[in-house]
């Protein structure tokens, strides 16, 4: 049983290598759940469980600072907040 669980963990840990056979991934997932004494409904397994989506590329900090500065200046103008220093925002 330990060998089956180990193989199932390898398959579930790197699903990108087993995309050609999603049934193999589903069986591995079911074996891991069964080893823990848990139930498993394969109908609830979605493609998002197979592949982690990449995070969006981070925005460069100068663009972030410019966007935040513009938003702050806009809010100050909308709310008529007095600003002591012109370079504050």
PDB file of N, CA and C in Angstrom:
ATOM      1  N   UNK A   1       0.830  -1.198   0.000  1.00  0.00           N
ATOM      2  CA  UNK A   1       0.000   0.000   0.000  1.00  0.00           C
ATOM      3  C   UNK A   1       0.869   1.255   0.000  1.00  0.00           C
ATOM      4  N   UNK A   2       2.014   1.184   0.685  1.00  0.00           N
ATOM      5  CA  UNK A   2       2.902   2.341   0.749  1.00  0.00           C
ATOM      6  C   UNK A   2       3.421   2.694  -0.643  1.00  0.00           C
ATOM      7  N   UNK A   3       3.724   1.676  -1.452  1.00  0.00           N
ATOM      8  CA  UNK A   3       4.226   1.908  -2.809  1.00  0.00           C
ATOM      9  C   UNK A   3       3.161   2.574  -3.674  1.00  0.00           C
ATOM     10  N   UNK A   4       1.916   2.149  -3.532  1.00  0.00           N
ATOM     11  CA  UNK A   4       0.816   2.743  -4.302  1.00  0.00           C
ATOM     12  C   UNK A   4       0.627   4.210  -3.910  1.00  0.00           C
ATOM     13  N   UNK A   5       0.671   4.473  -2.617  1.00  0.00           N
ATOM     14  CA  UNK A   5       0.506   5.847  -2.144  1.00  0.00           C
ATOM     15  C   UNK A   5       1.649   6.726  -2.629  1.00  0.00           C
ATOM     16  N   UNK A   6       2.854   6.190  -2.612  1.00  0.00           N
ATOM     17  CA  UNK A   6       4.026   6.951  -3.073  1.00  0.00           C
ATOM     18  C   UNK A   6       3.891   7.287  -4.562  1.00  0.00           C
ATOM     19  N   UNK A   7       3.505   6.312  -5.376  1.00  0.00           N
ATOM     20  CA  UNK A   7       3.316   6.543  -6.806  1.00  0.00           C
ATOM     21  C   UNK A   7       2.189   7.536  -7.050  1.00  0.00           C
ATOM     22  N   UNK A   8       1.107   7.406  -6.309  1.00  0.00           N
ATOM     23  CA  UNK A   8      -0.023   8.329  -6.451  1.00  0.00           C
ATOM     24  C   UNK A   8       0.390   9.739  -6.089  1.00  0.00           C
ATOM     25  N   UNK A   9       1.216   9.886  -5.070  1.00  0.00           N
ATOM     26  CA  UNK A   9       1.679  11.209  -4.659  1.00  0.00           C
ATOM     27  C   UNK A   9       2.555  11.831  -5.741  1.00  0.00           C
ATOM     28  N   UNK A  10       3.383  11.012  -6.396  1.00  0.00           N
ATOM     29  CA  UNK A  10       4.215  11.519  -7.491  1.00  0.00           C
ATOM     30  C   UNK A  10       3.360  11.997  -8.658  1.00  0.00           C
ATOM     31  N   UNK A  11       2.334  11.241  -8.995  1.00  0.00           N
ATOM     32  CA  UNK A  11       1.457  11.604 -10.113  1.00  0.00           C
ATOM     33  C   UNK A  11       0.667  12.868  -9.786  1.00  0.00           C
ATOM     34  N   UNK A  12       0.089  12.928  -8.593  1.00  0.00           N
ATOM     35  CA  UNK A  12      -0.710  14.097  -8.217  1.00  0.00           C
ATOM     36  C   UNK A  12       0.163  15.330  -8.002  1.00  0.00           C
ATOM     37  N   UNK A  13       1.431  15.113  -7.662  1.00  0.00           N
ATOM     38  CA  UNK A  13       2.327  16.237  -7.433  1.00  0.00           C
ATOM     39  C   UNK A  13       2.835  16.879  -8.701  1.00  0.00           C
ATOM     40  N   UNK A  14       2.796  16.189  -9.807  1.00  0.00           N
ATOM     41  CA  UNK A  14       3.244  16.766 -11.074  1.00  0.00           C
ATOM     42  C   UNK A  14       2.276  16.374 -12.192  1.00  0.00           C
ATOM     43  N   UNK A  15       1.063  16.923 -12.165  1.00  0.00           N
ATOM     44  CA  UNK A  15       0.047  16.531 -13.149  1.00  0.00           C
ATOM     45  C   UNK A  15       0.396  16.927 -14.574  1.00  0.00           C
ATOM     46  N   UNK A  16       1.282  17.907 -14.745  1.00  0.00           N
ATOM     47  CA  UNK A  16       1.629  18.325 -16.103  1.00  0.00           C
ATOM     48  C   UNK A  16       2.290  17.204 -16.897  1.00  0.00           C
ATOM     49  N   UNK A  17       2.881  16.231 -16.217  1.00  0.00           N
ATOM     50  CA  UNK A  17       3.499  15.100 -16.902  1.00  0.00           C
ATOM     51  C   UNK A  17       2.489  14.018 -17.282  1.00  0.00           C
ATOM     52  N   UNK A  18       1.268  14.134 -16.779  1.00  0.00           N
ATOM     53  CA  UNK A  18       0.255  13.098 -17.009  1.00  0.00           C
ATOM     54  C   UNK A  18      -0.992  13.653 -17.685  1.00  0.00           C
ATOM     55  N   UNK A  19      -0.840  14.775 -18.415  1.00  0.00           N
ATOM     56  CA  UNK A  19      -2.000  15.381 -19.078  1.00  0.00           C
ATOM     57  C   UNK A  19      -2.550  14.502 -20.190  1.00  0.00           C
ATOM     58  N   UNK A  20      -1.732  13.635 -20.740  1.00  0.00           N
ATOM     59  CA  UNK A  20      -2.200  12.760 -21.811  1.00  0.00           C
ATOM     60  C   UNK A  20      -3.202  11.728 -21.289  1.00  0.00           C
ATOM     61  N   UNK A  21      -3.172  11.478 -19.983  1.00  0.00           N
ATOM     62  CA  UNK A  21      -4.067  10.482 -19.390  1.00  0.00           C
ATOM     63  C   UNK A  21      -4.621  11.027 -18.078  1.00  0.00           C
ATOM     64  N   UNK A  22      -5.691  11.809 -18.178  1.00  0.00           N
ATOM     65  CA  UNK A  22      -6.263  12.417 -16.973  1.00  0.00           C
ATOM     66  C   UNK A  22      -6.903  11.368 -16.069  1.00  0.00           C
ATOM     67  N   UNK A  23      -7.273  10.213 -16.622  1.00  0.00           N
ATOM     68  CA  UNK A  23      -7.833   9.144 -15.784  1.00  0.00           C
ATOM     69  C   UNK A  23      -6.780   8.638 -14.801  1.00  0.00           C
ATOM     70  N   UNK A  24      -5.520   8.628 -15.214  1.00  0.00           N
ATOM     71  CA  UNK A  24      -4.439   8.211 -14.331  1.00  0.00           C
ATOM     72  C   UNK A  24      -4.322   9.176 -13.150  1.00  0.00           C
ATOM     73  N   UNK A  25      -4.429  10.477 -13.447  1.00  0.00           N
ATOM     74  CA  UNK A  25      -4.389  11.471 -12.370  1.00  0.00           C
ATOM     75  C   UNK A  25      -5.573  11.283 -11.424  1.00  0.00           C
ATOM     76  N   UNK A  26      -6.749  11.056 -11.973  1.00  0.00           N
ATOM     77  CA  UNK A  26      -7.943  10.860 -11.147  1.00  0.00           C
ATOM     78  C   UNK A  26      -7.794   9.638 -10.253  1.00  0.00           C
ATOM     79  N   UNK A  27      -7.253   8.554 -10.803  1.00  0.00           N
ATOM     80  CA  UNK A  27      -7.041   7.346 -10.009  1.00  0.00           C
ATOM     81  C   UNK A  27      -6.010   7.579  -8.910  1.00  0.00           C
ATOM     82  N   UNK A  28      -4.976   8.328  -9.231  1.00  0.00           N
ATOM     83  CA  UNK A  28      -3.958   8.625  -8.225  1.00  0.00           C
ATOM     84  C   UNK A  28      -4.553   9.462  -7.099  1.00  0.00           C
ATOM     85  N   UNK A  29      -5.369  10.424  -7.463  1.00  0.00           N
ATOM     86  CA  UNK A  29      -6.023  11.270  -6.454  1.00  0.00           C
ATOM     87  C   UNK A  29      -6.942  10.420  -5.566  1.00  0.00           C
ATOM     88  N   UNK A  30      -7.684   9.525  -6.183  1.00  0.00           N
ATOM     89  CA  UNK A  30      -8.582   8.653  -5.428  1.00  0.00           C
ATOM     90  C   UNK A  30      -7.789   7.740  -4.498  1.00  0.00           C
ATOM     91  N   UNK A  31      -6.644   7.238  -4.947  1.00  0.00           N
ATOM     92  CA  UNK A  31      -5.816   6.380  -4.107  1.00  0.00           C
ATOM     93  C   UNK A  31      -5.282   7.139  -2.901  1.00  0.00           C
ATOM     94  N   UNK A  32      -4.886   8.386  -3.113  1.00  0.00           N
ATOM     95  CA  UNK A  32      -4.399   9.193  -1.992  1.00  0.00           C
ATOM     96  C   UNK A  32      -5.505   9.459  -0.984  1.00  0.00           C
ATOM     97  N   UNK A  33      -6.698   9.764  -1.467  1.00  0.00           N
ATOM     98  CA  UNK A  33      -7.828  10.007  -0.569  1.00  0.00           C
ATOM     99  C   UNK A  33      -8.202   8.731   0.191  1.00  0.00           C
ATOM    100  N   UNK A  34      -8.177   7.587  -0.503  1.00  0.00           N
ATOM    101  CA  UNK A  34      -8.527   6.322   0.139  1.00  0.00           C
ATOM    102  C   UNK A  34      -7.496   5.960   1.219  1.00  0.00           C
ATOM    103  N   UNK A  35      -6.231   6.281   0.975  1.00  0.00           N
ATOM    104  CA  UNK A  35      -5.198   5.993   1.967  1.00  0.00           C
ATOM    105  C   UNK A  35      -5.425   6.797   3.244  1.00  0.00           C
ATOM    106  N   UNK A  36      -6.077   7.933   3.119  1.00  0.00           N
ATOM    107  CA  UNK A  36      -6.394   8.757   4.284  1.00  0.00           C
ATOM    108  C   UNK A  36      -7.753   8.411   4.879  1.00  0.00           C
ATOM    109  N   UNK A  37      -8.465   7.478   4.245  1.00  0.00           N
ATOM    110  CA  UNK A  37      -9.785   7.096   4.731  1.00  0.00           C
ATOM    111  C   UNK A  37     -10.864   8.089   4.357  1.00  0.00           C
ATOM    112  N   UNK A  38     -10.629   8.853   3.303  1.00  0.00           N
ATOM    113  CA  UNK A  38     -11.590   9.859   2.860  1.00  0.00           C
ATOM    114  C   UNK A  38     -12.270   9.412   1.578  1.00  0.00           C
ATOM    115  N   UNK A  39     -13.466   9.933   1.371  1.00  0.00           N
ATOM    116  CA  UNK A  39     -14.185   9.649   0.138  1.00  0.00           C
ATOM    117  C   UNK A  39     -13.728  10.571  -0.974  1.00  0.00           C
ATOM    118  N   UNK A  40     -14.113  10.241  -2.195  1.00  0.00           N
ATOM    119  CA  UNK A  40     -13.690  11.026  -3.346  1.00  0.00           C
ATOM    120  C   UNK A  40     -14.764  10.960  -4.414  1.00  0.00           C
ATOM    121  N   UNK A  41     -15.172  12.113  -4.910  1.00  0.00           N
ATOM    122  CA  UNK A  41     -16.157  12.197  -5.987  1.00  0.00           C
ATOM    123  C   UNK A  41     -15.441  12.735  -7.220  1.00  0.00           C
ATOM    124  N   UNK A  42     -15.139  11.890  -8.215  1.00  0.00           N
ATOM    125  CA  UNK A  42     -14.383  12.362  -9.379  1.00  0.00           C
ATOM    126  C   UNK A  42     -15.118  13.414 -10.189  1.00  0.00           C
ATOM    127  N   UNK A  43     -16.420  13.537 -10.024  1.00  0.00           N
ATOM    128  CA  UNK A  43     -17.165  14.552 -10.763  1.00  0.00           C
ATOM    129  C   UNK A  43     -16.800  15.959 -10.292  1.00  0.00           C
ATOM    130  N   UNK A  44     -16.271  16.068  -9.081  1.00  0.00           N
ATOM    131  CA  UNK A  44     -15.898  17.382  -8.549  1.00  0.00           C
ATOM    132  C   UNK A  44     -14.495  17.800  -8.949  1.00  0.00           C
ATOM    133  N   UNK A  45     -13.724  16.905  -9.557  1.00  0.00           N
ATOM    134  CA  UNK A  45     -12.365  17.208  -9.983  1.00  0.00           C
ATOM    135  C   UNK A  45     -12.424  18.007 -11.277  1.00  0.00           C
ATOM    136  N   UNK A  46     -11.853  19.173 -11.271  1.00  0.00           N
ATOM    137  CA  UNK A  46     -11.899  20.075 -12.429  1.00  0.00           C
ATOM    138  C   UNK A  46     -10.501  20.250 -13.030  1.00  0.00           C
ATOM    139  N   UNK A  47     -10.455  20.849 -14.195  1.00  0.00           N
ATOM    140  CA  UNK A  47      -9.176  21.088 -14.866  1.00  0.00           C
ATOM    141  C   UNK A  47      -8.265  21.976 -14.033  1.00  0.00           C
ATOM    142  N   UNK A  48      -8.840  22.864 -13.234  1.00  0.00           N
ATOM    143  CA  UNK A  48      -8.024  23.737 -12.395  1.00  0.00           C
ATOM    144  C   UNK A  48      -7.238  22.940 -11.367  1.00  0.00           C
ATOM    145  N   UNK A  49      -7.698  21.761 -11.015  1.00  0.00           N
ATOM    146  CA  UNK A  49      -6.965  20.923 -10.090  1.00  0.00           C
ATOM    147  C   UNK A  49      -5.772  20.257 -10.774  1.00  0.00           C
ATOM    148  N   UNK A  50      -5.830  20.147 -12.085  1.00  0.00           N
ATOM    149  CA  UNK A  50      -4.747  19.506 -12.815  1.00  0.00           C
ATOM    150  C   UNK A  50      -3.570  20.441 -13.037  1.00  0.00           C
ATOM    151  N   UNK A  51      -3.859  21.670 -13.387  1.00  0.00           N
ATOM    152  CA  UNK A  51      -2.792  22.605 -13.751  1.00  0.00           C
ATOM    153  C   UNK A  51      -2.963  23.875 -12.936  1.00  0.00           C
ATOM    154  N   UNK A  52      -1.893  24.298 -12.267  1.00  0.00           N
ATOM    155  CA  UNK A  52      -1.916  25.577 -11.566  1.00  0.00           C
ATOM    156  C   UNK A  52      -1.746  26.682 -12.591  1.00  0.00           C
ATOM    157  N   UNK A  53      -2.608  27.655 -12.524  1.00  0.00           N
ATOM    158  CA  UNK A  53      -2.500  28.765 -13.455  1.00  0.00           C
ATOM    159  C   UNK A  53      -1.367  29.682 -13.024  1.00  0.00           C
ATOM    160  N   UNK A  54      -0.607  30.217 -13.978  1.00  0.00           N
ATOM    161  CA  UNK A  54       0.484  31.117 -13.599  1.00  0.00           C
ATOM    162  C   UNK A  54      -0.062  32.427 -13.044  1.00  0.00           C
ATOM    163  N   UNK A  55       0.666  32.997 -12.135  1.00  0.00           N
ATOM    164  CA  UNK A  55       0.286  34.288 -11.573  1.00  0.00           C
ATOM    165  C   UNK A  55       0.486  35.366 -12.630  1.00  0.00           C
ATOM    166  N   UNK A  56      -0.291  36.452 -12.563  1.00  0.00           N
ATOM    167  CA  UNK A  56      -0.070  37.537 -13.519  1.00  0.00           C
ATOM    168  C   UNK A  56       1.303  38.157 -13.299  1.00  0.00           C
ATOM    169  N   UNK A  57       1.862  38.664 -14.367  1.00  0.00           N
ATOM    170  CA  UNK A  57       3.185  39.293 -14.270  1.00  0.00           C
ATOM    171  C   UNK A  57       3.093  40.512 -13.356  1.00  0.00           C
ATOM    172  N   UNK A  58       4.067  40.697 -12.485  1.00  0.00           N
ATOM    173  CA  UNK A  58       4.005  41.850 -11.583  1.00  0.00           C
ATOM    174  C   UNK A  58       4.168  43.153 -12.359  1.00  0.00           C
ATOM    175  N   UNK A  59       3.470  44.151 -11.911  1.00  0.00           N
ATOM    176  CA  UNK A  59       3.534  45.461 -12.534  1.00  0.00           C
ATOM    177  C   UNK A  59       4.822  46.139 -12.070  1.00  0.00           C
ATOM    178  N   UNK A  60       5.556  46.782 -12.976  1.00  0.00           N
ATOM    179  CA  UNK A  60       6.775  47.477 -12.548  1.00  0.00           C
ATOM    180  C   UNK A  60       6.466  48.541 -11.487  1.00  0.00           C
ATOM    181  N   UNK A  61       7.386  48.721 -10.537  1.00  0.00           N
ATOM    182  CA  UNK A  61       7.105  49.621  -9.419  1.00  0.00           C
ATOM    183  C   UNK A  61       6.902  51.063  -9.838  1.00  0.00           C
ATOM    184  N   UNK A  62       7.591  51.529 -10.895  1.00  0.00           N
ATOM    185  CA  UNK A  62       7.375  52.928 -11.294  1.00  0.00           C
ATOM    186  C   UNK A  62       5.957  53.131 -11.824  1.00  0.00           C
ATOM    187  N   UNK A  63       5.402  52.141 -12.513  1.00  0.00           N
ATOM    188  CA  UNK A  63       4.012  52.238 -12.972  1.00  0.00           C
ATOM    189  C   UNK A  63       3.048  52.185 -11.797  1.00  0.00           C
ATOM    190  N   UNK A  64       3.347  51.338 -10.812  1.00  0.00           N
ATOM    191  CA  UNK A  64       2.500  51.233  -9.631  1.00  0.00           C
ATOM    192  C   UNK A  64       2.485  52.551  -8.868  1.00  0.00           C
ATOM    193  N   UNK A  65       3.670  53.132  -8.651  1.00  0.00           N
ATOM    194  CA  UNK A  65       3.753  54.399  -7.925  1.00  0.00           C
ATOM    195  C   UNK A  65       3.043  55.522  -8.675  1.00  0.00           C
ATOM    196  N   UNK A  66       3.185  55.567  -9.989  1.00  0.00           N
ATOM    197  CA  UNK A  66       2.511  56.605 -10.772  1.00  0.00           C
ATOM    198  C   UNK A  66       0.993  56.439 -10.689  1.00  0.00           C
ATOM    199  N   UNK A  67       0.517  55.198 -10.778  1.00  0.00           N
ATOM    200  CA  UNK A  67      -0.928  54.944 -10.706  1.00  0.00           C
ATOM    201  C   UNK A  67      -1.483  55.304  -9.336  1.00  0.00           C
ATOM    202  N   UNK A  68      -0.774  54.940  -8.276  1.00  0.00           N
ATOM    203  CA  UNK A  68      -1.242  55.240  -6.921  1.00  0.00           C
ATOM    204  C   UNK A  68      -1.201  56.747  -6.674  1.00  0.00           C
ATOM    205  N   UNK A  69      -0.143  57.413  -7.126  1.00  0.00           N
ATOM    206  CA  UNK A  69      -0.044  58.871  -6.969  1.00  0.00           C
ATOM    207  C   UNK A  69      -1.177  59.593  -7.671  1.00  0.00           C
ATOM    208  N   UNK A  70      -1.511  59.142  -8.887  1.00  0.00           N
ATOM    209  CA  UNK A  70      -2.616  59.765  -9.624  1.00  0.00           C
ATOM    210  C   UNK A  70      -3.934  59.552  -8.904  1.00  0.00           C
ATOM    211  N   UNK A  71      -4.147  58.373  -8.356  1.00  0.00           N
ATOM    212  CA  UNK A  71      -5.386  58.081  -7.630  1.00  0.00           C
ATOM    213  C   UNK A  71      -5.487  58.931  -6.365  1.00  0.00           C
ATOM    214  N   UNK A  72      -4.381  59.084  -5.645  1.00  0.00           N
ATOM    215  CA  UNK A  72      -4.382  59.906  -4.431  1.00  0.00           C
ATOM    216  C   UNK A  72      -4.678  61.362  -4.771  1.00  0.00           C
ATOM    217  N   UNK A  73      -4.036  61.889  -5.815  1.00  0.00           N
ATOM    218  CA  UNK A  73      -4.305  63.283  -6.232  1.00  0.00           C
ATOM    219  C   UNK A  73      -5.761  63.466  -6.641  1.00  0.00           C
ATOM    220  N   UNK A  74      -6.329  62.458  -7.308  1.00  0.00           N
ATOM    221  CA  UNK A  74      -7.730  62.523  -7.712  1.00  0.00           C
ATOM    222  C   UNK A  74      -8.643  62.559  -6.481  1.00  0.00           C
ATOM    223  N   UNK A  75      -8.385  61.717  -5.505  1.00  0.00           N
ATOM    224  CA  UNK A  75      -9.207  61.697  -4.281  1.00  0.00           C
ATOM    225  C   UNK A  75      -9.073  63.001  -3.500  1.00  0.00           C
ATOM    226  N   UNK A  76      -7.867  63.563  -3.438  1.00  0.00           N
ATOM    227  CA  UNK A  76      -7.658  64.839  -2.750  1.00  0.00           C
ATOM    228  C   UNK A  76      -8.468  65.930  -3.431  1.00  0.00           C
ATOM    229  N   UNK A  77      -8.443  65.941  -4.771  1.00  0.00           N
ATOM    230  CA  UNK A  77      -9.188  66.955  -5.508  1.00  0.00           C
ATOM    231  C   UNK A  77     -10.697  66.780  -5.342  1.00  0.00           C
ATOM    232  N   UNK A  78     -11.177  65.550  -5.369  1.00  0.00           N
ATOM    233  CA  UNK A  78     -12.609  65.294  -5.237  1.00  0.00           C
ATOM    234  C   UNK A  78     -13.147  65.683  -3.858  1.00  0.00           C
ATOM    235  N   UNK A  79     -12.345  65.468  -2.828  1.00  0.00           N
ATOM    236  CA  UNK A  79     -12.815  65.717  -1.465  1.00  0.00           C
ATOM    237  C   UNK A  79     -12.383  67.081  -0.928  1.00  0.00           C
ATOM    238  N   UNK A  80     -11.720  67.870  -1.786  1.00  0.00           N
ATOM    239  CA  UNK A  80     -11.248  69.216  -1.412  1.00  0.00           C
ATOM    240  C   UNK A  80     -10.457  69.189  -0.112  1.00  0.00           C
ATOM    241  N   UNK A  81      -9.532  68.271  -0.011  1.00  0.00           N
ATOM    242  CA  UNK A  81      -8.680  68.151   1.172  1.00  0.00           C
ATOM    243  C   UNK A  81      -7.527  69.136   1.007  1.00  0.00           C
ATOM    244  N   UNK A  82      -7.313  69.991   2.010  1.00  0.00           N
ATOM    245  CA  UNK A  82      -6.193  70.941   1.897  1.00  0.00           C
ATOM    246  C   UNK A  82      -4.852  70.210   2.039  1.00  0.00           C
ATOM    247  N   UNK A  83      -3.945  70.525   1.139  1.00  0.00           N
ATOM    248  CA  UNK A  83      -2.617  69.907   1.149  1.00  0.00           C
ATOM    249  C   UNK A  83      -1.601  70.990   1.461  1.00  0.00           C
ATOM    250  N   UNK A  84      -0.775  70.795   2.500  1.00  0.00           N
ATOM    251  CA  UNK A  84       0.204  71.807   2.889  1.00  0.00           C
ATOM    252  C   UNK A  84       1.359  71.843   1.911  1.00  0.00           C
ATOM    253  N   UNK A  85       1.824  70.694   1.456  1.00  0.00           N
ATOM    254  CA  UNK A  85       2.947  70.624   0.536  1.00  0.00           C
ATOM    255  C   UNK A  85       2.437  70.185  -0.826  1.00  0.00           C
ATOM    256  N   UNK A  86       2.865  70.881  -1.852  1.00  0.00           N
ATOM    257  CA  UNK A  86       2.431  70.535  -3.206  1.00  0.00           C
ATOM    258  C   UNK A  86       3.004  69.170  -3.655  1.00  0.00           C
ATOM    259  N   UNK A  87       4.106  68.759  -3.052  1.00  0.00           N
ATOM    260  CA  UNK A  87       4.747  67.506  -3.457  1.00  0.00           C
ATOM    261  C   UNK A  87       4.263  66.331  -2.618  1.00  0.00           C
ATOM    262  N   UNK A  88       3.212  66.528  -1.838  1.00  0.00           N
ATOM    263  CA  UNK A  88       2.766  65.481  -0.927  1.00  0.00           C
ATOM    264  C   UNK A  88       2.245  64.259  -1.657  1.00  0.00           C
ATOM    265  N   UNK A  89       1.600  64.464  -2.769  1.00  0.00           N
ATOM    266  CA  UNK A  89       1.030  63.308  -3.448  1.00  0.00           C
ATOM    267  C   UNK A  89       1.491  63.237  -4.856  1.00  0.00           C
TER     268      UNK A  89
END
